[in-house]
């Protein structure tokens, strides 16, 4: 079995997370107020990512519990992106 953890190579998940953070930062713009950035993170996570996951999970007849775990992770991820960017700028 091949391992996704190889020395000197970035794992694909990290690359995807960096791309998502970069695009999110472009979307909220420079110097966003904290509440705005966190709110946009919640909108992106719950309104875009979680609903897209929901469509795919319903189509493939996957568990809604698993959807809640997977979608919840991304909701938290985007809220944290907003928190960090709101505090940083």
C-alpha atoms as a PDB file:
ATOM      1  CA  UNK A   1       0.000   0.000   0.000  1.00  0.00           C
ATOM      2  CA  UNK A   2       1.320   3.436  -0.908  1.00  0.00           C
ATOM      3  CA  UNK A   3       1.495   6.027   1.795  1.00  0.00           C
ATOM      4  CA  UNK A   4       0.418   9.594   1.108  1.00  0.00           C
ATOM      5  CA  UNK A   5       3.064  10.781   3.573  1.00  0.00           C
ATOM      6  CA  UNK A   6       6.345  11.052   1.731  1.00  0.00           C
ATOM      7  CA  UNK A   7       9.308  13.131   2.758  1.00  0.00           C
ATOM      8  CA  UNK A   8       9.673  16.313   0.771  1.00  0.00           C
ATOM      9  CA  UNK A   9       6.203  16.167  -0.807  1.00  0.00           C
ATOM     10  CA  UNK A  10       3.176  18.174   0.206  1.00  0.00           C
ATOM     11  CA  UNK A  11       0.093  16.128   0.885  1.00  0.00           C
ATOM     12  CA  UNK A  12      -2.741  16.972  -1.522  1.00  0.00           C
ATOM     13  CA  UNK A  13      -5.100  17.904   1.314  1.00  0.00           C
ATOM     14  CA  UNK A  14      -2.777  20.668   2.458  1.00  0.00           C
ATOM     15  CA  UNK A  15      -2.505  22.048  -1.056  1.00  0.00           C
ATOM     16  CA  UNK A  16      -6.303  22.065  -1.430  1.00  0.00           C
ATOM     17  CA  UNK A  17      -6.695  23.801   1.955  1.00  0.00           C
ATOM     18  CA  UNK A  18      -4.186  26.482   0.935  1.00  0.00           C
ATOM     19  CA  UNK A  19      -6.025  27.057  -2.348  1.00  0.00           C
ATOM     20  CA  UNK A  20      -9.337  27.322  -0.466  1.00  0.00           C
ATOM     21  CA  UNK A  21      -7.840  29.792   2.032  1.00  0.00           C
ATOM     22  CA  UNK A  22      -6.341  31.879  -0.780  1.00  0.00           C
ATOM     23  CA  UNK A  23      -9.600  32.061  -2.737  1.00  0.00           C
ATOM     24  CA  UNK A  24     -11.530  32.830   0.456  1.00  0.00           C
ATOM     25  CA  UNK A  25      -9.099  35.672   1.240  1.00  0.00           C
ATOM     26  CA  UNK A  26      -9.639  37.083  -2.256  1.00  0.00           C
ATOM     27  CA  UNK A  27     -13.406  36.822  -1.779  1.00  0.00           C
ATOM     28  CA  UNK A  28     -13.548  38.741   1.510  1.00  0.00           C
ATOM     29  CA  UNK A  29     -11.069  41.365   0.340  1.00  0.00           C
ATOM     30  CA  UNK A  30      -8.351  43.281   2.153  1.00  0.00           C
ATOM     31  CA  UNK A  31      -8.739  44.332   5.801  1.00  0.00           C
ATOM     32  CA  UNK A  32     -12.143  42.763   6.529  1.00  0.00           C
ATOM     33  CA  UNK A  33     -13.753  43.500   9.886  1.00  0.00           C
ATOM     34  CA  UNK A  34     -13.682  40.461  12.176  1.00  0.00           C
ATOM     35  CA  UNK A  35     -17.443  39.900  12.239  1.00  0.00           C
ATOM     36  CA  UNK A  36     -17.686  40.214   8.474  1.00  0.00           C
ATOM     37  CA  UNK A  37     -14.849  37.734   7.893  1.00  0.00           C
ATOM     38  CA  UNK A  38     -16.247  35.162  10.328  1.00  0.00           C
ATOM     39  CA  UNK A  39     -19.757  35.595   8.919  1.00  0.00           C
ATOM     40  CA  UNK A  40     -18.485  35.072   5.393  1.00  0.00           C
ATOM     41  CA  UNK A  41     -16.661  31.964   6.614  1.00  0.00           C
ATOM     42  CA  UNK A  42     -19.931  30.623   7.995  1.00  0.00           C
ATOM     43  CA  UNK A  43     -21.722  31.466   4.743  1.00  0.00           C
ATOM     44  CA  UNK A  44     -19.070  29.784   2.614  1.00  0.00           C
ATOM     45  CA  UNK A  45     -18.854  26.699   4.821  1.00  0.00           C
ATOM     46  CA  UNK A  46     -22.548  26.163   5.482  1.00  0.00           C
ATOM     47  CA  UNK A  47     -24.065  27.785   2.406  1.00  0.00           C
ATOM     48  CA  UNK A  48     -21.725  26.559  -0.302  1.00  0.00           C
ATOM     49  CA  UNK A  49     -19.614  23.630   0.857  1.00  0.00           C
ATOM     50  CA  UNK A  50     -22.051  21.827   3.179  1.00  0.00           C
ATOM     51  CA  UNK A  51     -24.941  22.112   0.747  1.00  0.00           C
ATOM     52  CA  UNK A  52     -22.780  20.857  -2.132  1.00  0.00           C
ATOM     53  CA  UNK A  53     -21.707  17.918   0.004  1.00  0.00           C
ATOM     54  CA  UNK A  54     -25.378  17.321   0.865  1.00  0.00           C
ATOM     55  CA  UNK A  55     -26.360  17.041  -2.797  1.00  0.00           C
ATOM     56  CA  UNK A  56     -23.570  14.531  -3.434  1.00  0.00           C
ATOM     57  CA  UNK A  57     -24.349  12.515  -0.297  1.00  0.00           C
ATOM     58  CA  UNK A  58     -28.058  12.299  -1.146  1.00  0.00           C
ATOM     59  CA  UNK A  59     -27.313  11.266  -4.730  1.00  0.00           C
ATOM     60  CA  UNK A  60     -24.944   8.504  -3.596  1.00  0.00           C
ATOM     61  CA  UNK A  61     -27.255   7.443  -0.709  1.00  0.00           C
ATOM     62  CA  UNK A  62     -24.574   8.026   1.915  1.00  0.00           C
ATOM     63  CA  UNK A  63     -25.268   8.494   5.610  1.00  0.00           C
ATOM     64  CA  UNK A  64     -26.420  11.915   6.759  1.00  0.00           C
ATOM     65  CA  UNK A  65     -24.373  11.394   9.924  1.00  0.00           C
ATOM     66  CA  UNK A  66     -21.272  11.095   7.775  1.00  0.00           C
ATOM     67  CA  UNK A  67     -22.397  14.189   5.861  1.00  0.00           C
ATOM     68  CA  UNK A  68     -22.721  16.108   9.129  1.00  0.00           C
ATOM     69  CA  UNK A  69     -19.170  15.128  10.117  1.00  0.00           C
ATOM     70  CA  UNK A  70     -17.625  15.931   6.725  1.00  0.00           C
ATOM     71  CA  UNK A  71     -19.595  19.125   6.149  1.00  0.00           C
ATOM     72  CA  UNK A  72     -19.090  20.272   9.737  1.00  0.00           C
ATOM     73  CA  UNK A  73     -15.341  19.998   9.312  1.00  0.00           C
ATOM     74  CA  UNK A  74     -15.452  22.380   6.354  1.00  0.00           C
ATOM     75  CA  UNK A  75     -17.828  24.798   8.075  1.00  0.00           C
ATOM     76  CA  UNK A  76     -15.351  25.041  10.955  1.00  0.00           C
ATOM     77  CA  UNK A  77     -12.472  25.319   8.466  1.00  0.00           C
ATOM     78  CA  UNK A  78     -13.984  28.346   6.711  1.00  0.00           C
ATOM     79  CA  UNK A  79     -15.024  30.000   9.976  1.00  0.00           C
ATOM     80  CA  UNK A  80     -11.418  29.635  11.151  1.00  0.00           C
ATOM     81  CA  UNK A  81     -10.180  31.083   7.852  1.00  0.00           C
ATOM     82  CA  UNK A  82     -12.421  34.087   8.522  1.00  0.00           C
ATOM     83  CA  UNK A  83     -11.278  34.368  12.137  1.00  0.00           C
ATOM     84  CA  UNK A  84      -7.605  34.307  11.206  1.00  0.00           C
ATOM     85  CA  UNK A  85      -8.000  36.744   8.309  1.00  0.00           C
ATOM     86  CA  UNK A  86     -10.214  39.073  10.372  1.00  0.00           C
ATOM     87  CA  UNK A  87      -7.699  39.175  13.218  1.00  0.00           C
ATOM     88  CA  UNK A  88      -4.661  39.343  10.963  1.00  0.00           C
ATOM     89  CA  UNK A  89      -5.659  42.274   8.799  1.00  0.00           C
END
